[in-house]
Amino acid sequence: MQNLSYSEILEQAQSAANQQDWGQLTYRLQQILLNDELGETERSLFCNPNTTTVLLDLAMQVLEGGSFQERWEIGKLFPSFGTDAIAPLIELLNDEEAELEAQWFAVRILGSFKHPQVLEALIELLKNSQSQELNSMAVSVLASMGKSAVPMLEPLLVEVSTRLFAVQALGQIRRSETVPLLMQVVHDSNAQVRAIAIEALSSFHAPEVVTVLIDALQDPVTQVRLAAVAGLGFCQDYPNLVIYLRPMLLDLNLEVCRQAAISLGRRGTSEAARALYETLRSPHTPKNLAIELVRALSWMKLPESLNYLEDALLQLALPEAIQLEIIQSMGRIDSDTLKFQATGILLNVLPLLRSAVTRQAIALSLGQLGNVEALSPLIALLADAEDSVRFHAISALKTLNAELAHQQLKRLAKVEPEESRLGQGIAIALREWSF
């Protein structure tokens, strides 16, 4: 394919513009602006303001008239123009007759220029625009500017029409400079504003912020309480928070209850474990919440939390789904010290659980824990009346210690009667071992 000179490509670009062939125009502009092999003579053309003006005008034509894909592609070229691109993009943004999609791209492209003029234009957009799409993109762009945008956002908190957008941007910036502004709106009449502010403040664990989060636990709106409960779960330097989180396990909204369980689990204290277990013991606790309580107890990595889970298996009339969650959570424990405790618990409850499904789960969890003390009990499961339990036991033996288990099976095969149920199970295991 013959290489075209700069002037020839520019001529073809202008021809494509005249024909409103935006795809071809984009291609020609890419050839010009992204070409690393231009000669010195052709590069010198870019020093000419008139050349920049012509190319920028062509790019703006694509942005104003092209398809979504063409606008997407041309948007990648605007940084090549530097700050010269800001003024025409803002002009497009303020054009009441321009297509909404073109303006959306203009906002998106302006986000690549960290310039005061851009910041001011976006602030004005939030004051005047009725478009949710434009406002959302403007919020994202402002947030990407970081702390430089904070002083400009403060006046937007005063007006009800712009307060939500300002809080959304502040919530995404996540810098300490935003804290005083966010604190101003934690009691706003708009629940969405309150929720965003509470969620954003949760990143900062100063005493005054923790006080605000505790107060928000009493908010009548679920979204706000949920944000407060989640935030308190990360405030590890405040040990007395269990007294505030415990009542949230009984919230009228189940999602708040589940988040309270997660937050208490993150605390990892004996007091938090006790609060979780007391709720698990209640016959009124919904199944979905009970499962979350079990998960939280298993995450805590405390000996007493595992004791509570054992008590739940032995003393509570739990649905099978919750029993399974306890058993499976035991198998996921990664602390070497607690693995021995978990193994002992599973071996204790194994003879007491009649469901084949729970025996299967115990077998797999014992294999995952990797404690060789479980080797003989797992081999004993090869005599189980249920085929599914036997095959889960075989899988667990391979996971636990394949070599040691194989040796043990071969020894037992020599002394165990072939006609016994265990003998038959051992024979099946040995046949399956190579698979």
Protein backbone atom coordinates (compact mmCIF):
# COMPACT_ATOMS: atom_id res chain seq x y z
CA MET A 1 0.00 0.00 0.00
CA GLN A 2 1.45 3.38 -1.03
CA ASN A 3 2.43 5.70 1.83
CA LEU A 4 0.60 9.00 1.62
CA SER A 5 2.12 12.33 2.56
CA TYR A 6 0.73 14.44 5.38
CA SER A 7 -0.88 16.88 2.97
CA GLU A 8 -2.50 14.04 1.01
CA ILE A 9 -3.95 12.49 4.19
CA LEU A 10 -5.24 15.88 5.31
CA GLU A 11 -6.83 16.42 1.92
CA GLN A 12 -8.59 13.04 2.18
CA ALA A 13 -9.69 13.89 5.73
CA GLN A 14 -11.28 17.13 4.56
CA SER A 15 -12.96 15.27 1.69
CA ALA A 16 -14.40 12.75 4.15
CA ALA A 17 -15.68 15.62 6.29
CA ASN A 18 -17.42 17.17 3.31
CA GLN A 19 -19.13 13.85 2.65
CA GLN A 20 -19.90 13.39 6.37
CA ASP A 21 -18.08 10.07 6.23
CA TRP A 22 -17.19 10.17 9.92
CA GLY A 23 -15.58 6.72 9.97
CA GLN A 24 -13.19 7.62 7.15
CA LEU A 25 -12.48 11.01 8.70
CA THR A 26 -11.62 9.36 12.03
CA TYR A 27 -9.28 6.96 10.25
CA ARG A 28 -7.47 9.82 8.47
CA LEU A 29 -7.12 11.81 11.68
CA GLN A 30 -5.67 8.74 13.38
CA GLN A 31 -3.12 8.50 10.55
CA ILE A 32 -2.08 12.08 11.16
CA LEU A 33 -2.19 12.33 14.94
CA LEU A 34 -0.94 8.87 15.86
CA ASN A 35 1.78 8.57 13.20
CA ASP A 36 5.20 8.24 14.80
CA GLU A 37 6.97 8.16 11.42
CA LEU A 38 6.26 11.69 10.19
CA GLY A 39 9.26 13.50 8.76
CA GLU A 40 10.71 16.67 10.25
CA THR A 41 9.09 18.84 7.60
CA GLU A 42 5.67 17.36 8.29
CA ARG A 43 6.13 17.57 12.05
CA SER A 44 6.86 21.27 11.74
CA LEU A 45 3.35 21.71 10.42
CA PHE A 46 2.01 20.97 13.92
CA CYS A 47 3.74 24.10 15.13
CA ASN A 48 1.38 26.08 12.96
CA PRO A 49 -1.72 27.14 14.94
CA ASN A 50 -3.77 27.04 11.78
CA THR A 51 -2.99 23.33 11.32
CA THR A 52 -4.05 22.56 14.87
CA THR A 53 -7.25 24.53 14.36
CA VAL A 54 -8.10 22.63 11.19
CA LEU A 55 -7.48 19.20 12.74
CA LEU A 56 -9.36 20.09 15.93
CA ASP A 57 -12.31 21.35 13.88
CA LEU A 58 -12.38 18.06 11.95
CA ALA A 59 -12.28 16.07 15.20
CA MET A 60 -15.14 18.14 16.61
CA GLN A 61 -17.20 17.40 13.51
CA VAL A 62 -16.89 13.67 14.21
CA LEU A 63 -17.76 14.23 17.85
CA GLU A 64 -20.87 16.20 16.93
CA GLY A 65 -22.15 14.05 14.07
CA GLY A 66 -20.67 10.56 14.40
CA SER A 67 -22.04 7.32 15.78
CA PHE A 68 -21.30 6.15 19.30
CA GLN A 69 -18.35 4.04 18.12
CA GLU A 70 -16.96 6.86 15.99
CA ARG A 71 -17.26 9.27 18.90
CA TRP A 72 -15.53 6.75 21.12
CA GLU A 73 -12.60 6.44 18.71
CA ILE A 74 -12.24 10.16 18.03
CA GLY A 75 -12.32 10.84 21.76
CA LYS A 76 -8.96 9.08 22.07
CA LEU A 77 -7.35 11.71 19.82
CA PHE A 78 -8.30 14.83 21.77
CA PRO A 79 -5.39 14.67 24.26
CA SER A 80 -3.12 15.18 21.22
CA PHE A 81 -4.44 18.74 20.94
CA GLY A 82 -3.57 19.65 24.52
CA THR A 83 -5.45 22.48 26.19
CA ASP A 84 -6.50 23.85 22.79
CA ALA A 85 -9.29 21.26 22.87
CA ILE A 86 -10.89 22.60 26.06
CA ALA A 87 -12.68 25.65 24.61
CA PRO A 88 -14.50 23.87 21.73
CA LEU A 89 -15.49 21.01 24.02
CA ILE A 90 -16.99 23.43 26.54
CA GLU A 91 -18.74 25.24 23.70
CA LEU A 92 -20.30 21.92 22.64
CA LEU A 93 -21.28 21.29 26.25
CA ASN A 94 -23.14 24.61 26.38
CA ASP A 95 -24.85 24.19 23.01
CA GLU A 96 -28.55 23.68 23.74
CA GLU A 97 -29.10 22.14 20.30
CA ALA A 98 -26.29 19.60 20.51
CA GLU A 99 -27.03 15.90 20.82
CA LEU A 100 -26.99 14.59 24.38
CA GLU A 101 -24.62 11.77 23.45
CA ALA A 102 -22.14 14.21 21.90
CA GLN A 103 -22.23 16.31 25.07
CA TRP A 104 -21.73 13.18 27.20
CA PHE A 105 -18.56 12.45 25.24
CA ALA A 106 -17.47 16.06 25.62
CA VAL A 107 -17.69 15.74 29.41
CA ARG A 108 -15.82 12.45 29.29
CA ILE A 109 -13.03 13.90 27.15
CA LEU A 110 -12.76 17.01 29.33
CA GLY A 111 -11.94 14.67 32.19
CA SER A 112 -8.52 14.08 30.63
CA PHE A 113 -7.60 17.76 31.16
CA LYS A 114 -6.82 18.68 34.76
CA HIS A 115 -7.50 22.35 34.19
CA PRO A 116 -9.37 24.98 36.25
CA GLN A 117 -11.43 25.95 33.21
CA VAL A 118 -12.71 22.37 32.96
CA LEU A 119 -13.58 22.27 36.62
CA GLU A 120 -15.56 25.50 36.38
CA ALA A 121 -17.44 24.26 33.30
CA LEU A 122 -18.45 21.04 35.01
CA ILE A 123 -19.63 22.88 38.09
CA GLU A 124 -21.80 25.10 35.88
CA LEU A 125 -23.12 22.00 34.14
CA LEU A 126 -24.25 20.50 37.45
CA LYS A 127 -26.00 23.76 38.31
CA ASN A 128 -27.95 23.96 35.09
CA SER A 129 -28.27 20.54 33.44
CA GLN A 130 -31.39 18.44 33.76
CA SER A 131 -29.71 15.38 32.23
CA GLN A 132 -28.97 12.55 34.63
CA GLU A 133 -26.46 11.06 32.15
CA LEU A 134 -24.48 14.29 31.83
CA ASN A 135 -24.57 14.98 35.55
CA SER A 136 -23.39 11.47 36.41
CA MET A 137 -20.44 11.76 34.03
CA ALA A 138 -19.63 15.22 35.39
CA VAL A 139 -19.63 13.83 38.93
CA SER A 140 -17.19 11.08 37.91
CA VAL A 141 -14.88 13.57 36.19
CA LEU A 142 -14.92 15.94 39.16
CA ALA A 143 -14.15 13.05 41.51
CA SER A 144 -11.17 12.09 39.35
CA MET A 145 -9.71 15.57 39.90
CA GLY A 146 -9.23 14.81 43.58
CA LYS A 147 -8.74 17.45 46.24
CA SER A 148 -8.49 20.29 43.72
CA ALA A 149 -12.23 19.90 43.13
CA VAL A 150 -13.21 20.03 46.80
CA PRO A 151 -13.34 23.85 47.23
CA MET A 152 -15.44 24.15 44.07
CA LEU A 153 -17.89 21.53 45.26
CA GLU A 154 -18.57 23.19 48.61
CA PRO A 155 -20.95 25.86 47.22
CA LEU A 156 -22.99 23.12 45.53
CA LEU A 157 -23.88 21.74 48.96
CA VAL A 158 -25.91 24.86 49.69
CA GLU A 159 -28.40 24.35 46.88
CA VAL A 160 -30.88 21.49 47.15
CA SER A 161 -30.78 20.98 43.36
CA THR A 162 -27.01 20.34 43.30
CA ARG A 163 -26.38 18.89 46.77
CA LEU A 164 -26.76 15.25 45.73
CA PHE A 165 -24.28 15.64 42.85
CA ALA A 166 -21.78 17.38 45.11
CA VAL A 167 -22.02 14.63 47.73
CA GLN A 168 -21.64 11.96 45.06
CA ALA A 169 -18.43 13.58 43.85
CA LEU A 170 -17.11 14.13 47.38
CA GLY A 171 -17.92 10.53 48.21
CA GLN A 172 -15.73 9.32 45.37
CA ILE A 173 -12.75 11.56 46.15
CA ARG A 174 -12.02 9.81 49.46
CA ARG A 175 -9.61 12.39 50.89
CA SER A 176 -9.59 13.88 54.36
CA GLU A 177 -10.38 17.31 52.92
CA THR A 178 -13.90 16.06 52.18
CA VAL A 179 -14.72 15.10 55.77
CA PRO A 180 -15.90 18.53 57.01
CA LEU A 181 -18.16 18.90 53.98
CA LEU A 182 -19.63 15.44 54.30
CA MET A 183 -20.29 16.03 57.99
CA GLN A 184 -22.51 18.97 56.99
CA VAL A 185 -25.02 16.71 55.24
CA VAL A 186 -25.28 13.63 57.48
CA HIS A 187 -28.68 14.90 58.68
CA ASP A 188 -29.92 16.06 55.30
CA SER A 189 -33.60 15.58 54.50
CA ASN A 190 -32.65 13.54 51.41
CA ALA A 191 -31.97 9.95 52.50
CA GLN A 192 -29.76 9.32 49.47
CA VAL A 193 -27.55 12.24 50.43
CA ARG A 194 -27.31 10.91 54.00
CA ALA A 195 -26.46 7.40 52.83
CA ILE A 196 -23.72 8.53 50.44
CA ALA A 197 -22.22 10.78 53.10
CA ILE A 198 -22.24 8.03 55.74
CA GLU A 199 -20.72 5.50 53.32
CA ALA A 200 -17.97 7.95 52.32
CA LEU A 201 -17.22 8.94 55.92
CA SER A 202 -16.73 5.26 56.74
CA SER A 203 -13.29 5.51 55.13
CA PHE A 204 -12.19 7.81 57.97
CA HIS A 205 -12.08 6.50 61.51
CA ALA A 206 -11.73 9.68 63.55
CA PRO A 207 -13.77 9.72 66.80
CA GLU A 208 -16.20 12.34 65.46
CA VAL A 209 -16.86 10.17 62.39
CA VAL A 210 -17.49 7.08 64.52
CA THR A 211 -19.99 9.10 66.56
CA VAL A 212 -21.83 10.04 63.37
CA LEU A 213 -21.92 6.41 62.24
CA ILE A 214 -23.33 5.31 65.59
CA ASP A 215 -26.04 7.98 65.41
CA ALA A 216 -26.92 6.85 61.88
CA LEU A 217 -27.80 3.38 63.20
CA GLN A 218 -31.09 4.95 64.31
CA ASP A 219 -31.91 6.43 60.92
CA PRO A 220 -35.43 5.49 59.73
CA VAL A 221 -34.16 4.71 56.21
CA THR A 222 -32.67 1.27 55.59
CA GLN A 223 -30.07 2.53 53.11
CA VAL A 224 -28.57 4.84 55.74
CA ARG A 225 -28.54 2.23 58.51
CA LEU A 226 -26.93 -0.24 56.15
CA ALA A 227 -24.11 2.19 55.31
CA ALA A 228 -23.54 2.92 59.00
CA VAL A 229 -23.45 -0.76 60.02
CA ALA A 230 -21.01 -1.56 57.20
CA GLY A 231 -18.79 1.36 58.11
CA LEU A 232 -18.57 0.46 61.80
CA GLY A 233 -17.29 -2.97 60.82
CA PHE A 234 -14.00 -1.35 59.76
CA CYS A 235 -13.49 0.78 62.87
CA GLN A 236 -11.17 -1.68 64.57
CA ASP A 237 -9.74 0.83 67.06
CA TYR A 238 -13.05 1.15 68.94
CA PRO A 239 -13.60 -2.05 70.97
CA ASN A 240 -16.94 -1.01 72.52
CA LEU A 241 -18.78 -0.99 69.19
CA VAL A 242 -20.29 -4.43 69.77
CA ILE A 243 -22.89 -2.88 72.06
CA TYR A 244 -24.09 -0.77 69.13
CA LEU A 245 -23.86 -3.48 66.47
CA ARG A 246 -25.53 -6.25 68.48
CA PRO A 247 -29.05 -4.67 68.32
CA MET A 248 -28.70 -4.37 64.56
CA LEU A 249 -28.86 -8.16 64.31
CA LEU A 250 -32.54 -7.70 65.14
CA ASP A 251 -33.21 -4.90 62.66
CA LEU A 252 -36.51 -4.98 60.80
CA ASN A 253 -34.60 -5.16 57.51
CA LEU A 254 -32.89 -8.49 56.87
CA GLU A 255 -30.10 -6.94 54.80
CA VAL A 256 -29.15 -4.72 57.74
CA CYS A 257 -29.11 -7.82 59.98
CA ARG A 258 -26.83 -9.64 57.55
CA GLN A 259 -24.47 -6.66 57.36
CA ALA A 260 -24.41 -6.47 61.16
CA ALA A 261 -23.31 -10.11 61.25
CA ILE A 262 -20.51 -9.36 58.79
CA SER A 263 -19.37 -6.31 60.76
CA LEU A 264 -19.37 -8.24 64.03
CA GLY A 265 -17.40 -11.01 62.36
CA ARG A 266 -14.76 -8.46 61.32
CA ARG A 267 -14.34 -7.39 64.93
CA GLY A 268 -13.00 -10.82 65.84
CA THR A 269 -13.62 -10.54 69.59
CA SER A 270 -15.14 -12.92 72.11
CA GLU A 271 -17.91 -10.41 72.80
CA ALA A 272 -18.77 -10.23 69.11
CA ALA A 273 -18.74 -14.04 68.83
CA ARG A 274 -21.15 -14.33 71.74
CA ALA A 275 -23.52 -11.82 70.14
CA LEU A 276 -23.50 -13.80 66.90
CA TYR A 277 -24.15 -17.12 68.61
CA GLU A 278 -26.99 -15.79 70.76
CA THR A 279 -28.74 -14.66 67.59
CA LEU A 280 -28.04 -17.99 65.89
CA ARG A 281 -29.66 -19.80 68.83
CA SER A 282 -32.92 -17.91 68.46
CA PRO A 283 -35.67 -19.99 66.83
CA HIS A 284 -36.91 -16.80 65.18
CA THR A 285 -33.70 -16.20 63.21
CA PRO A 286 -34.35 -16.51 59.44
CA LYS A 287 -32.32 -19.11 57.55
CA ASN A 288 -30.51 -16.56 55.36
CA LEU A 289 -29.39 -14.63 58.41
CA ALA A 290 -28.38 -17.83 60.22
CA ILE A 291 -26.08 -18.71 57.32
CA GLU A 292 -24.47 -15.27 57.53
CA LEU A 293 -24.02 -15.70 61.30
CA VAL A 294 -22.26 -19.02 60.73
CA ARG A 295 -19.94 -17.48 58.16
CA ALA A 296 -19.13 -14.60 60.47
CA LEU A 297 -18.28 -16.97 63.34
CA SER A 298 -16.01 -19.04 61.11
CA TRP A 299 -14.17 -15.93 59.82
CA MET A 300 -13.32 -14.80 63.34
CA LYS A 301 -10.59 -17.40 63.81
CA LEU A 302 -11.26 -17.70 67.54
CA PRO A 303 -11.35 -21.01 69.45
CA GLU A 304 -14.58 -19.93 71.13
CA SER A 305 -16.22 -19.13 67.81
CA LEU A 306 -15.57 -22.72 66.69
CA ASN A 307 -16.93 -23.95 70.00
CA TYR A 308 -20.12 -22.03 69.32
CA LEU A 309 -20.39 -23.68 65.91
CA GLU A 310 -19.93 -27.11 67.52
CA ASP A 311 -22.63 -26.32 70.06
CA ALA A 312 -24.90 -25.26 67.23
CA LEU A 313 -24.44 -28.64 65.51
CA LEU A 314 -24.94 -30.64 68.70
CA GLN A 315 -27.60 -28.66 70.53
CA LEU A 316 -29.70 -26.72 68.04
CA ALA A 317 -32.37 -28.12 65.76
CA LEU A 318 -30.88 -26.51 62.68
CA PRO A 319 -32.09 -26.99 59.12
CA GLU A 320 -29.76 -29.09 57.01
CA ALA A 321 -28.67 -26.07 54.95
CA ILE A 322 -27.29 -24.37 58.07
CA GLN A 323 -25.61 -27.56 59.27
CA LEU A 324 -23.93 -27.80 55.89
CA GLU A 325 -22.76 -24.20 56.11
CA ILE A 326 -21.14 -24.91 59.49
CA ILE A 327 -19.43 -28.06 58.21
CA GLN A 328 -18.21 -26.40 55.02
CA SER A 329 -16.96 -23.35 56.91
CA MET A 330 -14.88 -25.67 59.11
CA GLY A 331 -13.19 -27.02 55.99
CA ARG A 332 -12.22 -23.51 54.88
CA ILE A 333 -10.31 -22.66 58.07
CA ASP A 334 -6.69 -21.83 57.26
CA SER A 335 -5.21 -21.33 60.73
CA ASP A 336 -2.96 -24.29 61.62
CA THR A 337 -3.97 -24.10 65.29
CA LEU A 338 -7.68 -24.00 64.55
CA LYS A 339 -7.46 -26.76 61.93
CA PHE A 340 -6.83 -29.29 64.71
CA GLN A 341 -9.79 -27.95 66.68
CA ALA A 342 -12.02 -28.04 63.62
CA THR A 343 -10.97 -31.60 62.85
CA GLY A 344 -11.86 -32.67 66.37
CA ILE A 345 -15.26 -30.99 66.13
CA LEU A 346 -16.11 -32.69 62.84
CA LEU A 347 -15.04 -36.07 64.17
CA ASN A 348 -17.18 -35.51 67.28
CA VAL A 349 -20.32 -34.74 65.32
CA LEU A 350 -19.82 -37.29 62.55
CA PRO A 351 -21.48 -40.22 64.38
CA LEU A 352 -24.43 -38.02 65.40
CA LEU A 353 -25.48 -36.67 62.01
CA ARG A 354 -27.78 -39.05 60.13
CA SER A 355 -28.05 -37.21 56.83
CA ALA A 356 -25.94 -38.61 54.01
CA VAL A 357 -25.48 -35.07 52.70
CA THR A 358 -23.93 -33.88 55.96
CA ARG A 359 -21.67 -36.95 56.15
CA GLN A 360 -20.46 -36.18 52.63
CA ALA A 361 -19.74 -32.60 53.64
CA ILE A 362 -17.85 -33.71 56.75
CA ALA A 363 -15.72 -36.04 54.64
CA LEU A 364 -14.77 -33.27 52.24
CA SER A 365 -14.05 -30.79 55.04
CA LEU A 366 -11.85 -33.31 56.83
CA GLY A 367 -9.89 -33.78 53.62
CA GLN A 368 -9.44 -30.02 53.22
CA LEU A 369 -8.23 -29.61 56.81
CA GLY A 370 -5.40 -32.05 56.11
CA ASN A 371 -5.12 -33.51 59.62
CA VAL A 372 -3.94 -37.15 59.44
CA GLU A 373 -5.99 -37.90 62.59
CA ALA A 374 -8.95 -37.97 60.21
CA LEU A 375 -7.45 -40.74 58.11
CA SER A 376 -8.97 -43.70 59.97
CA PRO A 377 -12.44 -42.10 60.36
CA LEU A 378 -12.47 -41.35 56.64
CA ILE A 379 -11.54 -44.92 55.82
CA ALA A 380 -14.34 -46.06 58.13
CA LEU A 381 -16.74 -44.04 55.95
CA LEU A 382 -15.94 -46.44 53.11
CA ALA A 383 -18.33 -48.82 54.87
CA ASP A 384 -21.18 -46.27 54.72
CA ALA A 385 -24.45 -47.54 53.31
CA GLU A 386 -24.63 -44.61 50.87
CA ASP A 387 -22.53 -44.81 47.71
CA SER A 388 -22.26 -41.02 47.60
CA VAL A 389 -20.71 -40.92 51.07
CA ARG A 390 -18.16 -43.58 50.14
CA PHE A 391 -17.06 -41.70 47.02
CA HIS A 392 -16.80 -38.43 48.95
CA ALA A 393 -14.64 -40.26 51.51
CA ILE A 394 -12.36 -41.50 48.72
CA SER A 395 -12.02 -37.96 47.37
CA ALA A 396 -11.27 -36.66 50.88
CA LEU A 397 -8.59 -39.30 51.44
CA LYS A 398 -6.85 -38.25 48.25
CA THR A 399 -7.01 -34.60 49.32
CA LEU A 400 -5.83 -35.24 52.87
CA ASN A 401 -2.74 -37.33 52.13
CA ALA A 402 -2.99 -39.46 49.01
CA GLU A 403 0.20 -41.47 49.53
CA LEU A 404 -0.38 -42.28 53.20
CA ALA A 405 -4.04 -43.11 52.58
CA HIS A 406 -3.15 -45.46 49.70
CA GLN A 407 -0.64 -47.30 51.85
CA GLN A 408 -3.18 -47.68 54.65
CA LEU A 409 -5.82 -48.97 52.26
CA LYS A 410 -3.49 -51.57 50.81
CA ARG A 411 -2.61 -52.81 54.31
CA LEU A 412 -6.25 -53.01 55.32
CA ALA A 413 -7.18 -54.80 52.12
CA LYS A 414 -5.01 -57.73 53.23
CA VAL A 415 -6.80 -58.17 56.58
CA GLU A 416 -10.35 -56.94 56.00
CA PRO A 417 -12.78 -59.60 54.70
CA GLU A 418 -13.69 -58.86 51.10
CA GLU A 419 -17.36 -59.58 51.73
CA SER A 420 -17.64 -57.02 54.54
CA ARG A 421 -19.00 -53.59 53.73
CA LEU A 422 -15.67 -51.99 54.67
CA GLY A 423 -13.80 -54.54 52.58
CA GLN A 424 -15.99 -53.73 49.60
CA GLY A 425 -15.45 -50.02 50.16
CA ILE A 426 -11.69 -50.46 50.35
CA ALA A 427 -11.73 -52.45 47.12
CA ILE A 428 -13.69 -49.67 45.40
CA ALA A 429 -11.27 -47.06 46.73
CA LEU A 430 -8.24 -48.93 45.43
CA ARG A 431 -9.84 -49.32 42.00
CA GLU A 432 -10.64 -45.61 41.93
CA TRP A 433 -7.27 -44.47 43.21
CA SER A 434 -5.59 -44.04 39.84
CA PHE A 435 -8.34 -41.77 38.50
